[in-house]
Amino acid sequence: MDGKIAQKAIRFKELHDGPAFIIPNPWDIGTARILSASGFQALATSSAAAAAALGRRDGELTRDEAIAHAKMIADATDVPVSADLEKGFGDKPEDVAETVRQAAEAGLAGCTIEDSTRDPAHPLFDFNLSVERIAAGVEAANVAEFPFMLTARAHGLMYDPASLDAVILRLQAFEKAGAPVLFAPGLPDIASVRELCSAVSRPINFMVGIPRKSFPIRDLAAAGVRRISLSTSLYRAAMTGFLSAIREIREAGEFTFLDRTVSTAELITLMNA
């Protein structure tokens, strides 16, 4: 076993003991290195940002592509990396187990597995199957030679009718199945965050990225959150600046955006800090 990989994994596990930490989401080697040099202690991929960087929609990467992308980022930095591996690239528990096995084998420190089917007619896996899928992932993670932090995601708040109680029941079941970290995107307010954190004993990941449902770090930490991921937030922020510059060029024929940009030399320096 690679000692450096094991050290990263151990550090990642320890981060979840507190205090709350930010786990930002790069989409290539350059952004990963800048985030690492900026002092962030761990990184995570975003399935949507990874796909968009290749001109694809979220969900269109294969398992091999997603893991290769995450490994590329993990190999480029000295901080632990967790991968957004969507629903595990298959519906069956054994599909999830194989995805987790490959993620650990690639040297990642963790991954997220969601209960969303990507089928609009039936957006969530049935309760029992969703638990079986997480249990299979946990079993595969436990075979790794280092702590592998599998994060179980309950997406019930992303679909109507949304029910916090139903999401909590799923996360409690995922906890009993052995998931080290729990995650429910779409929590509507801090009261809901607090209720969820108090309903389970495992660390909770909160996802920043939804307008009006992204709360200050201090409030999330006070509510009991241990990990704060940024989803596609940074990718969207970068692309917002890109689109703004394009519009100025095409609509005004001017280049004032250059007055607000960093130099290429500064970026390269950050990437190699």
Protein backbone atom coordinates (compact mmCIF):
# COMPACT_ATOMS: atom_id res chain seq x y z
CA MET A 1 0.00 0.00 0.00
CA ASP A 2 1.21 3.51 -0.85
CA GLY A 3 2.07 5.22 2.42
CA LYS A 4 1.22 8.66 1.06
CA ILE A 5 -2.28 7.51 0.12
CA ALA A 6 -2.80 6.04 3.58
CA GLN A 7 -1.65 9.26 5.23
CA LYS A 8 -4.09 11.28 3.12
CA ALA A 9 -6.94 8.92 4.02
CA ILE A 10 -6.14 9.06 7.74
CA ARG A 11 -6.00 12.83 7.63
CA PHE A 12 -9.33 12.97 5.81
CA LYS A 13 -10.98 10.81 8.44
CA GLU A 14 -9.54 12.98 11.21
CA LEU A 15 -10.91 16.14 9.62
CA HIS A 16 -14.43 14.85 10.23
CA ASP A 17 -13.84 14.93 13.99
CA GLY A 18 -14.17 18.71 13.88
CA PRO A 19 -14.16 21.63 13.68
CA ALA A 20 -16.23 22.12 10.52
CA PHE A 21 -14.09 22.25 7.39
CA ILE A 22 -14.63 23.36 3.78
CA ILE A 23 -14.11 20.81 1.01
CA PRO A 24 -14.12 22.77 -2.28
CA ASN A 25 -14.65 21.20 -5.70
CA PRO A 26 -11.99 21.72 -8.39
CA TRP A 27 -12.54 20.54 -11.95
CA ASP A 28 -8.97 20.19 -13.22
CA ILE A 29 -5.37 19.99 -12.03
CA GLY A 30 -4.86 23.76 -12.06
CA THR A 31 -7.85 24.56 -9.88
CA ALA A 32 -7.00 21.66 -7.56
CA ARG A 33 -3.49 22.98 -7.02
CA ILE A 34 -4.69 26.54 -6.45
CA LEU A 35 -7.22 25.37 -3.85
CA SER A 36 -4.61 23.26 -2.12
CA ALA A 37 -2.13 26.15 -2.12
CA SER A 38 -4.87 28.40 -0.71
CA GLY A 39 -4.95 26.29 2.45
CA PHE A 40 -7.92 23.97 1.95
CA GLN A 41 -7.24 20.68 3.69
CA ALA A 42 -9.25 18.40 1.40
CA LEU A 43 -10.85 18.51 -2.04
CA ALA A 44 -13.81 16.84 -3.71
CA THR A 45 -14.83 16.38 -7.30
CA SER A 46 -18.21 17.53 -8.57
CA SER A 47 -19.85 15.23 -11.09
CA ALA A 48 -21.56 18.19 -12.77
CA ALA A 49 -18.40 20.34 -12.98
CA ALA A 50 -16.31 17.40 -14.19
CA ALA A 51 -18.84 16.67 -16.93
CA ALA A 52 -19.25 20.32 -17.90
CA ALA A 53 -15.48 20.73 -18.25
CA LEU A 54 -15.72 18.07 -20.98
CA GLY A 55 -18.76 19.69 -22.58
CA ARG A 56 -21.19 17.13 -21.20
CA ARG A 57 -24.19 17.10 -18.88
CA ASP A 58 -24.11 15.83 -15.32
CA GLY A 59 -24.50 12.06 -15.35
CA GLU A 60 -22.88 11.54 -18.75
CA LEU A 61 -19.45 10.46 -17.52
CA THR A 62 -18.75 6.75 -17.29
CA ARG A 63 -17.42 5.18 -14.11
CA ASP A 64 -13.97 4.87 -15.67
CA GLU A 65 -14.00 8.53 -16.70
CA ALA A 66 -15.22 9.78 -13.31
CA ILE A 67 -12.65 7.79 -11.34
CA ALA A 68 -9.85 8.72 -13.74
CA HIS A 69 -10.78 12.39 -13.35
CA ALA A 70 -10.77 12.13 -9.55
CA LYS A 71 -7.46 10.23 -9.56
CA MET A 72 -5.92 12.92 -11.75
CA ILE A 73 -6.80 15.53 -9.13
CA ALA A 74 -5.71 13.30 -6.22
CA ASP A 75 -2.35 12.61 -7.86
CA ALA A 76 -1.76 16.31 -8.46
CA THR A 77 -2.09 17.43 -4.84
CA ASP A 78 -0.95 16.47 -1.36
CA VAL A 79 -4.41 16.77 0.19
CA PRO A 80 -7.03 14.01 0.37
CA VAL A 81 -9.64 13.89 -2.39
CA SER A 82 -13.19 12.52 -2.28
CA ALA A 83 -15.06 11.76 -5.50
CA ASP A 84 -18.65 12.48 -6.43
CA LEU A 85 -19.57 9.10 -7.89
CA GLU A 86 -23.27 9.84 -8.37
CA LYS A 87 -25.45 6.75 -7.85
CA GLY A 88 -22.50 4.39 -8.11
CA PHE A 89 -22.80 3.81 -11.87
CA GLY A 90 -25.43 1.14 -11.54
CA ASP A 91 -28.64 0.36 -9.72
CA LYS A 92 -27.64 -2.85 -7.96
CA PRO A 93 -25.78 -3.04 -4.64
CA GLU A 94 -22.96 -4.90 -6.36
CA ASP A 95 -22.58 -1.99 -8.80
CA VAL A 96 -22.07 0.39 -5.90
CA ALA A 97 -19.61 -2.01 -4.27
CA GLU A 98 -17.54 -2.20 -7.44
CA THR A 99 -17.52 1.59 -7.81
CA VAL A 100 -16.35 2.05 -4.22
CA ARG A 101 -13.72 -0.68 -4.65
CA GLN A 102 -12.32 1.04 -7.74
CA ALA A 103 -12.36 4.45 -6.05
CA ALA A 104 -10.31 3.15 -3.12
CA GLU A 105 -7.97 1.33 -5.49
CA ALA A 106 -7.40 4.61 -7.34
CA GLY A 107 -6.10 6.21 -4.14
CA LEU A 108 -9.10 8.36 -3.27
CA ALA A 109 -9.84 9.08 0.37
CA GLY A 110 -13.60 8.79 0.01
CA CYS A 111 -16.59 9.13 -2.28
CA THR A 112 -20.27 10.02 -2.23
CA ILE A 113 -23.06 7.68 -3.31
CA GLU A 114 -26.59 9.03 -3.77
CA ASP A 115 -30.04 7.48 -3.65
CA SER A 116 -31.17 9.33 -6.80
CA THR A 117 -32.00 7.08 -9.76
CA ARG A 118 -31.75 9.76 -12.50
CA ASP A 119 -35.16 8.50 -13.67
CA PRO A 120 -37.69 11.39 -13.60
CA ALA A 121 -40.59 8.97 -13.21
CA HIS A 122 -39.03 7.34 -10.13
CA PRO A 123 -36.37 9.76 -8.87
CA LEU A 124 -35.38 7.86 -5.72
CA PHE A 125 -34.47 4.24 -5.13
CA ASP A 126 -36.94 2.38 -2.93
CA PHE A 127 -36.06 2.63 0.75
CA ASN A 128 -34.85 -0.94 1.23
CA LEU A 129 -32.82 -0.96 -1.98
CA SER A 130 -31.26 2.39 -1.13
CA VAL A 131 -30.07 0.98 2.20
CA GLU A 132 -28.79 -2.22 0.58
CA ARG A 133 -26.81 -0.14 -1.90
CA ILE A 134 -25.12 1.87 0.88
CA ALA A 135 -24.47 -1.28 2.90
CA ALA A 136 -22.73 -2.83 -0.11
CA GLY A 137 -20.63 0.30 -0.55
CA VAL A 138 -19.66 0.27 3.13
CA GLU A 139 -18.64 -3.37 2.91
CA ALA A 140 -16.42 -2.59 -0.08
CA ALA A 141 -14.94 0.45 1.68
CA ASN A 142 -14.08 -1.63 4.73
CA VAL A 143 -11.91 -3.91 2.59
CA ALA A 144 -9.58 -1.01 1.75
CA GLU A 145 -6.22 -0.92 3.51
CA PHE A 146 -6.91 2.60 4.77
CA PRO A 147 -9.94 4.50 6.11
CA PHE A 148 -12.23 5.17 3.17
CA MET A 149 -14.91 7.75 3.96
CA LEU A 150 -18.06 6.78 2.09
CA THR A 151 -20.66 9.55 2.19
CA ALA A 152 -24.27 8.43 1.82
CA ARG A 153 -26.50 11.01 0.13
CA ALA A 154 -30.28 11.21 0.55
CA HIS A 155 -31.79 13.35 -2.22
CA GLY A 156 -35.40 13.43 -1.08
CA LEU A 157 -35.41 17.20 -0.60
CA MET A 158 -34.56 17.69 -4.27
CA TYR A 159 -37.88 16.24 -5.47
CA ASP A 160 -41.54 16.92 -4.75
CA PRO A 161 -43.07 16.14 -2.39
CA ALA A 162 -40.03 16.97 -0.26
CA SER A 163 -40.04 15.60 3.27
CA LEU A 164 -37.33 16.26 5.83
CA ASP A 165 -38.71 13.45 8.00
CA ALA A 166 -38.37 10.97 5.15
CA VAL A 167 -34.81 12.14 4.45
CA ILE A 168 -33.88 11.77 8.12
CA LEU A 169 -35.26 8.23 8.16
CA ARG A 170 -33.10 7.34 5.18
CA LEU A 171 -29.99 8.88 6.67
CA GLN A 172 -30.60 7.09 9.96
CA ALA A 173 -30.83 3.83 8.01
CA PHE A 174 -27.65 4.70 6.11
CA GLU A 175 -25.95 5.34 9.44
CA LYS A 176 -27.04 1.92 10.74
CA ALA A 177 -25.67 0.43 7.51
CA GLY A 178 -22.28 1.86 8.45
CA ALA A 179 -21.93 5.01 6.31
CA PRO A 180 -19.21 7.19 7.93
CA VAL A 181 -20.62 10.49 6.58
CA LEU A 182 -24.18 11.57 5.76
CA PHE A 183 -25.44 14.16 3.30
CA ALA A 184 -28.82 15.65 2.33
CA PRO A 185 -28.66 18.34 -0.37
CA GLY A 186 -31.41 20.94 -0.46
CA LEU A 187 -31.91 21.63 3.25
CA PRO A 188 -34.14 24.72 3.23
CA ASP A 189 -33.02 26.57 6.36
CA ILE A 190 -30.71 26.43 9.36
CA ALA A 191 -33.46 24.98 11.55
CA SER A 192 -33.63 21.98 9.19
CA VAL A 193 -29.85 21.66 9.24
CA ARG A 194 -29.91 21.63 13.04
CA GLU A 195 -32.73 19.08 13.14
CA LEU A 196 -30.87 16.76 10.78
CA CYS A 197 -27.58 17.04 12.65
CA SER A 198 -29.28 16.23 15.95
CA ALA A 199 -31.07 13.20 14.46
CA VAL A 200 -27.88 11.28 13.59
CA SER A 201 -24.51 10.69 15.20
CA ARG A 202 -22.31 10.58 12.08
CA PRO A 203 -20.75 13.74 10.55
CA ILE A 204 -23.03 15.70 8.24
CA ASN A 205 -21.88 17.21 4.95
CA PHE A 206 -23.74 20.36 3.91
CA MET A 207 -23.76 21.37 0.24
CA VAL A 208 -23.33 25.04 -0.64
CA GLY A 209 -24.51 25.92 -4.13
CA ILE A 210 -28.27 26.47 -4.07
CA PRO A 211 -29.26 30.17 -3.97
CA ARG A 212 -31.01 31.13 -0.72
CA LYS A 213 -30.20 27.68 0.66
CA SER A 214 -26.48 28.29 1.19
CA PHE A 215 -25.77 29.56 4.70
CA PRO A 216 -22.72 31.15 6.41
CA ILE A 217 -20.03 28.84 7.71
CA ARG A 218 -20.50 30.05 11.27
CA ASP A 219 -24.22 29.19 11.21
CA LEU A 220 -23.63 25.77 9.68
CA ALA A 221 -20.93 24.96 12.23
CA ALA A 222 -23.16 26.08 15.10
CA ALA A 223 -25.94 23.83 13.75
CA GLY A 224 -23.63 20.81 13.93
CA VAL A 225 -22.30 20.49 10.37
CA ARG A 226 -18.81 18.96 10.13
CA ARG A 227 -18.09 19.25 6.39
CA ILE A 228 -19.14 21.90 3.86
CA SER A 229 -18.86 21.08 0.15
CA LEU A 230 -19.22 23.65 -2.61
CA SER A 231 -20.71 21.55 -5.41
CA THR A 232 -20.44 23.45 -8.73
CA SER A 233 -20.22 26.85 -7.00
CA LEU A 234 -16.62 27.64 -7.92
CA TYR A 235 -16.99 26.32 -11.47
CA ARG A 236 -20.09 28.47 -11.97
CA ALA A 237 -18.32 31.50 -10.48
CA ALA A 238 -15.41 31.02 -12.88
CA MET A 239 -17.71 30.60 -15.86
CA THR A 240 -19.73 33.66 -14.81
CA GLY A 241 -16.56 35.76 -15.15
CA PHE A 242 -15.79 34.08 -18.49
CA LEU A 243 -19.26 34.85 -19.86
CA SER A 244 -19.12 38.42 -18.56
CA ALA A 245 -15.87 39.00 -20.44
CA ILE A 246 -17.31 37.53 -23.63
CA ARG A 247 -20.37 39.77 -23.41
CA GLU A 248 -18.23 42.88 -22.91
CA ILE A 249 -16.15 42.03 -25.98
CA ARG A 250 -19.13 41.29 -28.23
CA GLU A 251 -21.55 43.94 -26.95
CA ALA A 252 -19.26 46.86 -26.02
CA GLY A 253 -16.12 46.09 -27.96
CA GLU A 254 -14.07 46.83 -24.87
CA PHE A 255 -11.70 44.93 -22.58
CA THR A 256 -12.12 46.48 -19.14
CA PHE A 257 -12.44 43.00 -17.68
CA LEU A 258 -8.66 42.83 -17.95
CA ASP A 259 -8.42 45.39 -15.15
CA ARG A 260 -9.98 42.82 -12.80
CA THR A 261 -8.02 39.73 -13.81
CA VAL A 262 -4.96 38.14 -12.26
CA SER A 263 -1.91 37.61 -14.42
CA THR A 264 -0.99 34.27 -15.95
CA ALA A 265 2.23 34.37 -13.95
CA GLU A 266 0.26 34.69 -10.69
CA LEU A 267 -1.89 31.71 -11.61
CA ILE A 268 1.11 29.56 -12.49
CA THR A 269 2.79 30.55 -9.23
CA LEU A 270 -0.29 29.49 -7.25
CA MET A 271 -0.54 26.21 -9.14
CA ASN A 272 3.05 25.36 -8.24
CA ALA A 273 3.16 26.71 -4.70
